[in-house]
Amino acid sequence: VKLTAAALQQHPMLAARWEETHLALPDGIHIGIAVDTEEGLIVPVLRDVPSLSLLELAARSRDMIESVRDNKFTVDDLQGGVFTITNLGSYGIDAFTPIINLPETAILGVGCIRREPAVIDTQIVPRDQVTLSLTFDHRIVDGAPAARFLQAIRLAVENPSAWLLK
């Protein structure tokens, strides 16, 4: 979530929202987290993600998900998101096509993390790999800028200390 927020700061069009008469850029990075419940999918929103430390983000995420699963959330908890992250990796799914949570512009799907052989320099070593799936509204963002956003996430995941210490 933190690394996605950093990439959204670099690529703000992916956090744009369709308003009734215009496209609005966000005043903050508020990320929705798709949560599976017995009643169906609910997307509560983590507000101002870049301003949160990792410990704050972990605590808020845990509390938010728990409140949704216990059906103790408010309508305000579900509003104002500019981007959503959904994770089917916890179900063993590697790749999927997530559906945009309107009026947002994009959604990131996170697949299962798998340890696979990778070539690093001249050696084959085990490395954790994950498939990320980005669905985006092509009326707002073209393919190349969307690819640059995913590239920013990839670079951040490969070198997280530069982003996580901010």
C-alpha atoms as a PDB file:
ATOM      1  CA  VAL A   1       0.000   0.000   0.000  1.00  0.00           C
ATOM      2  CA  LYS A   2       2.801   2.410   0.934  1.00  0.00           C
ATOM      3  CA  LEU A   3       4.729   1.687  -2.262  1.00  0.00           C
ATOM      4  CA  THR A   4       1.580   2.086  -4.361  1.00  0.00           C
ATOM      5  CA  ALA A   5       0.974   5.475  -2.726  1.00  0.00           C
ATOM      6  CA  ALA A   6       4.518   6.533  -3.639  1.00  0.00           C
ATOM      7  CA  ALA A   7       3.932   5.486  -7.262  1.00  0.00           C
ATOM      8  CA  LEU A   8       0.611   7.387  -7.306  1.00  0.00           C
ATOM      9  CA  GLN A   9       2.424  10.530  -6.177  1.00  0.00           C
ATOM     10  CA  GLN A  10       4.690  10.160  -9.216  1.00  0.00           C
ATOM     11  CA  HIS A  11       1.769   9.331 -11.536  1.00  0.00           C
ATOM     12  CA  PRO A  12      -1.233  11.320 -10.245  1.00  0.00           C
ATOM     13  CA  MET A  13      -3.464  10.696 -13.276  1.00  0.00           C
ATOM     14  CA  LEU A  14      -3.920   7.130 -12.036  1.00  0.00           C
ATOM     15  CA  ALA A  15      -5.497   8.631  -8.914  1.00  0.00           C
ATOM     16  CA  ALA A  16      -7.848  10.934 -10.833  1.00  0.00           C
ATOM     17  CA  ARG A  17     -11.593  10.548 -10.295  1.00  0.00           C
ATOM     18  CA  TRP A  18     -14.569  11.090 -12.578  1.00  0.00           C
ATOM     19  CA  GLU A  19     -16.777  13.745 -11.032  1.00  0.00           C
ATOM     20  CA  GLU A  20     -20.200  14.608 -12.475  1.00  0.00           C
ATOM     21  CA  THR A  21     -18.904  17.213 -14.924  1.00  0.00           C
ATOM     22  CA  HIS A  22     -15.118  16.899 -14.908  1.00  0.00           C
ATOM     23  CA  LEU A  23     -12.024  14.921 -14.052  1.00  0.00           C
ATOM     24  CA  ALA A  24     -10.623  15.731 -10.592  1.00  0.00           C
ATOM     25  CA  LEU A  25      -7.082  15.181  -9.406  1.00  0.00           C
ATOM     26  CA  PRO A  26      -6.887  14.082  -5.783  1.00  0.00           C
ATOM     27  CA  ASP A  27      -6.078  16.337  -2.868  1.00  0.00           C
ATOM     28  CA  GLY A  28      -4.534  13.345  -1.125  1.00  0.00           C
ATOM     29  CA  ILE A  29      -3.687   9.702  -1.682  1.00  0.00           C
ATOM     30  CA  HIS A  30      -6.572   7.732  -0.174  1.00  0.00           C
ATOM     31  CA  ILE A  31      -6.350   4.033  -1.062  1.00  0.00           C
ATOM     32  CA  GLY A  32      -9.234   1.578  -0.928  1.00  0.00           C
ATOM     33  CA  ILE A  33      -8.548  -1.984   0.156  1.00  0.00           C
ATOM     34  CA  ALA A  34     -10.929  -4.610  -1.219  1.00  0.00           C
ATOM     35  CA  VAL A  35     -12.189  -6.774   1.655  1.00  0.00           C
ATOM     36  CA  ASP A  36     -14.152  -9.994   1.179  1.00  0.00           C
ATOM     37  CA  THR A  37     -17.072 -10.336   3.593  1.00  0.00           C
ATOM     38  CA  GLU A  38     -20.032 -12.683   3.911  1.00  0.00           C
ATOM     39  CA  GLU A  39     -22.176  -9.897   2.430  1.00  0.00           C
ATOM     40  CA  GLY A  40     -19.812  -9.407  -0.528  1.00  0.00           C
ATOM     41  CA  LEU A  41     -16.949  -7.105  -1.432  1.00  0.00           C
ATOM     42  CA  ILE A  42     -16.533  -3.926   0.635  1.00  0.00           C
ATOM     43  CA  VAL A  43     -13.827  -1.323  -0.044  1.00  0.00           C
ATOM     44  CA  PRO A  44     -12.880   0.767   2.997  1.00  0.00           C
ATOM     45  CA  VAL A  45     -10.446   3.634   2.446  1.00  0.00           C
ATOM     46  CA  LEU A  46      -7.076   4.291   4.082  1.00  0.00           C
ATOM     47  CA  ARG A  47      -6.674   8.073   4.119  1.00  0.00           C
ATOM     48  CA  ASP A  48      -3.493  10.082   3.481  1.00  0.00           C
ATOM     49  CA  VAL A  49      -1.356   6.971   3.052  1.00  0.00           C
ATOM     50  CA  PRO A  50       1.923   8.840   2.292  1.00  0.00           C
ATOM     51  CA  SER A  51       1.764  10.574   5.690  1.00  0.00           C
ATOM     52  CA  LEU A  52       1.511   7.285   7.604  1.00  0.00           C
ATOM     53  CA  SER A  53       4.485   5.366   8.965  1.00  0.00           C
ATOM     54  CA  LEU A  54       4.598   1.642   8.257  1.00  0.00           C
ATOM     55  CA  LEU A  55       3.462   0.893  11.804  1.00  0.00           C
ATOM     56  CA  GLU A  56       0.554   3.349  11.531  1.00  0.00           C
ATOM     57  CA  LEU A  57      -0.406   1.941   8.147  1.00  0.00           C
ATOM     58  CA  ALA A  58      -0.310  -1.642   9.432  1.00  0.00           C
ATOM     59  CA  ALA A  59      -2.420  -0.749  12.484  1.00  0.00           C
ATOM     60  CA  ARG A  60      -4.978   1.233  10.475  1.00  0.00           C
ATOM     61  CA  SER A  61      -5.215  -1.493   7.831  1.00  0.00           C
ATOM     62  CA  ARG A  62      -5.748  -4.180  10.457  1.00  0.00           C
ATOM     63  CA  ASP A  63      -8.346  -2.100  12.331  1.00  0.00           C
ATOM     64  CA  MET A  64     -10.137  -1.128   9.124  1.00  0.00           C
ATOM     65  CA  ILE A  65     -10.347  -4.695   7.813  1.00  0.00           C
ATOM     66  CA  GLU A  66     -11.514  -5.938  11.211  1.00  0.00           C
ATOM     67  CA  SER A  67     -14.246  -3.280  11.406  1.00  0.00           C
ATOM     68  CA  VAL A  68     -15.475  -4.238   7.930  1.00  0.00           C
ATOM     69  CA  ARG A  69     -15.532  -7.953   8.720  1.00  0.00           C
ATOM     70  CA  ASP A  70     -17.339  -7.231  12.017  1.00  0.00           C
ATOM     71  CA  ASN A  71     -19.817  -4.986  10.164  1.00  0.00           C
ATOM     72  CA  LYS A  72     -18.834  -1.994  12.335  1.00  0.00           C
ATOM     73  CA  PHE A  73     -17.878   0.456   9.598  1.00  0.00           C
ATOM     74  CA  THR A  74     -19.534   3.706   8.545  1.00  0.00           C
ATOM     75  CA  VAL A  75     -20.399   5.067   5.115  1.00  0.00           C
ATOM     76  CA  ASP A  76     -17.582   7.601   5.581  1.00  0.00           C
ATOM     77  CA  ASP A  77     -15.132   4.676   5.847  1.00  0.00           C
ATOM     78  CA  LEU A  78     -16.034   3.745   2.255  1.00  0.00           C
ATOM     79  CA  GLN A  79     -15.845   7.183   0.619  1.00  0.00           C
ATOM     80  CA  GLY A  80     -13.105   9.305  -0.904  1.00  0.00           C
ATOM     81  CA  GLY A  81     -10.853   6.605  -2.307  1.00  0.00           C
ATOM     82  CA  VAL A  82      -8.777   7.541  -5.344  1.00  0.00           C
ATOM     83  CA  PHE A  83      -7.336   4.076  -6.091  1.00  0.00           C
ATOM     84  CA  THR A  84      -8.100   0.523  -4.970  1.00  0.00           C
ATOM     85  CA  ILE A  85      -5.889  -2.477  -4.262  1.00  0.00           C
ATOM     86  CA  THR A  86      -7.350  -5.972  -4.382  1.00  0.00           C
ATOM     87  CA  ASN A  87      -5.503  -9.156  -3.454  1.00  0.00           C
ATOM     88  CA  LEU A  88      -6.530 -12.569  -4.714  1.00  0.00           C
ATOM     89  CA  GLY A  89      -3.044 -13.901  -4.019  1.00  0.00           C
ATOM     90  CA  SER A  90      -4.267 -14.994  -0.601  1.00  0.00           C
ATOM     91  CA  TYR A  91      -6.509 -17.442  -2.507  1.00  0.00           C
ATOM     92  CA  GLY A  92      -3.559 -18.804  -4.506  1.00  0.00           C
ATOM     93  CA  ILE A  93      -4.465 -16.820  -7.652  1.00  0.00           C
ATOM     94  CA  ASP A  94      -1.460 -15.645  -9.676  1.00  0.00           C
ATOM     95  CA  ALA A  95      -3.109 -13.221 -12.106  1.00  0.00           C
ATOM     96  CA  PHE A  96      -6.601 -11.828 -12.651  1.00  0.00           C
ATOM     97  CA  THR A  97      -8.395  -8.835 -14.123  1.00  0.00           C
ATOM     98  CA  PRO A  98      -9.722  -6.597 -11.352  1.00  0.00           C
ATOM     99  CA  ILE A  99     -12.733  -4.356 -12.026  1.00  0.00           C
ATOM    100  CA  ILE A 100     -12.338  -0.601 -11.509  1.00  0.00           C
ATOM    101  CA  ASN A 101     -14.117   0.779  -8.455  1.00  0.00           C
ATOM    102  CA  LEU A 102     -15.875   3.750 -10.075  1.00  0.00           C
ATOM    103  CA  PRO A 103     -15.431   6.726 -10.070  1.00  0.00           C
ATOM    104  CA  GLU A 104     -11.757   5.795  -9.690  1.00  0.00           C
ATOM    105  CA  THR A 105      -9.451   5.558 -12.694  1.00  0.00           C
ATOM    106  CA  ALA A 106      -7.593   2.355 -11.847  1.00  0.00           C
ATOM    107  CA  ILE A 107      -7.291  -0.685  -9.611  1.00  0.00           C
ATOM    108  CA  LEU A 108      -4.248  -2.820  -8.793  1.00  0.00           C
ATOM    109  CA  GLY A 109      -4.627  -6.584  -8.501  1.00  0.00           C
ATOM    110  CA  VAL A 110      -2.023  -8.419  -6.426  1.00  0.00           C
ATOM    111  CA  GLY A 111      -1.432 -12.087  -7.134  1.00  0.00           C
ATOM    112  CA  CYS A 112       0.141 -14.841  -5.085  1.00  0.00           C
ATOM    113  CA  ILE A 113       3.782 -14.451  -4.040  1.00  0.00           C
ATOM    114  CA  ARG A 114       5.731 -17.462  -5.248  1.00  0.00           C
ATOM    115  CA  ARG A 115       9.375 -18.379  -4.810  1.00  0.00           C
ATOM    116  CA  GLU A 116      10.828 -19.038  -8.265  1.00  0.00           C
ATOM    117  CA  PRO A 117      14.295 -19.374  -9.765  1.00  0.00           C
ATOM    118  CA  ALA A 118      15.678 -16.104 -11.102  1.00  0.00           C
ATOM    119  CA  VAL A 119      18.915 -15.144 -12.814  1.00  0.00           C
ATOM    120  CA  ILE A 120      20.799 -12.506 -10.799  1.00  0.00           C
ATOM    121  CA  ASP A 121      24.012 -11.492 -12.533  1.00  0.00           C
ATOM    122  CA  THR A 122      25.302 -14.921 -13.584  1.00  0.00           C
ATOM    123  CA  GLN A 123      23.702 -17.047 -10.882  1.00  0.00           C
ATOM    124  CA  ILE A 124      20.349 -18.737 -10.541  1.00  0.00           C
ATOM    125  CA  VAL A 125      18.893 -17.938  -7.134  1.00  0.00           C
ATOM    126  CA  PRO A 126      15.482 -18.320  -5.496  1.00  0.00           C
ATOM    127  CA  ARG A 127      13.476 -15.111  -5.587  1.00  0.00           C
ATOM    128  CA  ASP A 128       9.975 -14.157  -4.508  1.00  0.00           C
ATOM    129  CA  GLN A 129       7.853 -13.156  -7.512  1.00  0.00           C
ATOM    130  CA  VAL A 130       4.388 -11.606  -7.665  1.00  0.00           C
ATOM    131  CA  THR A 131       2.132 -10.752 -10.588  1.00  0.00           C
ATOM    132  CA  LEU A 132       0.527  -7.314 -10.489  1.00  0.00           C
ATOM    133  CA  SER A 133      -2.496  -6.635 -12.693  1.00  0.00           C
ATOM    134  CA  LEU A 134      -3.502  -3.043 -13.420  1.00  0.00           C
ATOM    135  CA  THR A 135      -6.922  -2.252 -14.831  1.00  0.00           C
ATOM    136  CA  PHE A 136      -7.326   1.383 -15.863  1.00  0.00           C
ATOM    137  CA  ASP A 137      -9.758   3.652 -17.657  1.00  0.00           C
ATOM    138  CA  HIS A 138      -8.258   4.272 -21.083  1.00  0.00           C
ATOM    139  CA  ARG A 139     -10.268   7.481 -21.416  1.00  0.00           C
ATOM    140  CA  ILE A 140      -8.060   8.981 -18.704  1.00  0.00           C
ATOM    141  CA  VAL A 141      -4.744   7.130 -18.901  1.00  0.00           C
ATOM    142  CA  ASP A 142      -3.002   5.626 -21.915  1.00  0.00           C
ATOM    143  CA  GLY A 143      -1.071   2.365 -21.841  1.00  0.00           C
ATOM    144  CA  ALA A 144       2.443   3.817 -21.652  1.00  0.00           C
ATOM    145  CA  PRO A 145       1.761   6.039 -18.593  1.00  0.00           C
ATOM    146  CA  ALA A 146       0.026   3.073 -16.926  1.00  0.00           C
ATOM    147  CA  ALA A 147       3.094   0.937 -17.671  1.00  0.00           C
ATOM    148  CA  ARG A 148       5.353   3.611 -16.151  1.00  0.00           C
ATOM    149  CA  PHE A 149       3.186   3.518 -13.012  1.00  0.00           C
ATOM    150  CA  LEU A 150       3.610  -0.268 -12.774  1.00  0.00           C
ATOM    151  CA  GLN A 151       7.324   0.153 -13.420  1.00  0.00           C
ATOM    152  CA  ALA A 152       7.514   2.622 -10.503  1.00  0.00           C
ATOM    153  CA  ILE A 153       5.866   0.019  -8.261  1.00  0.00           C
ATOM    154  CA  ARG A 154       8.254  -2.677  -9.504  1.00  0.00           C
ATOM    155  CA  LEU A 155      11.287  -0.484  -8.818  1.00  0.00           C
ATOM    156  CA  ALA A 156       9.954   0.392  -5.366  1.00  0.00           C
ATOM    157  CA  VAL A 157       9.321  -3.279  -4.525  1.00  0.00           C
ATOM    158  CA  GLU A 158      12.832  -4.180  -5.672  1.00  0.00           C
ATOM    159  CA  ASN A 159      14.355  -1.367  -3.556  1.00  0.00           C
ATOM    160  CA  PRO A 160      11.798  -0.605  -0.833  1.00  0.00           C
ATOM    161  CA  SER A 161      14.077   1.091   1.684  1.00  0.00           C
ATOM    162  CA  ALA A 162      14.219   4.273  -0.404  1.00  0.00           C
ATOM    163  CA  TRP A 163      10.405   4.551  -0.187  1.00  0.00           C
ATOM    164  CA  LEU A 164       9.538   3.021   3.139  1.00  0.00           C
ATOM    165  CA  LEU A 165      11.792   5.327   5.130  1.00  0.00           C
ATOM    166  CA  LYS A 166       9.997   8.416   3.793  1.00  0.00           C
END
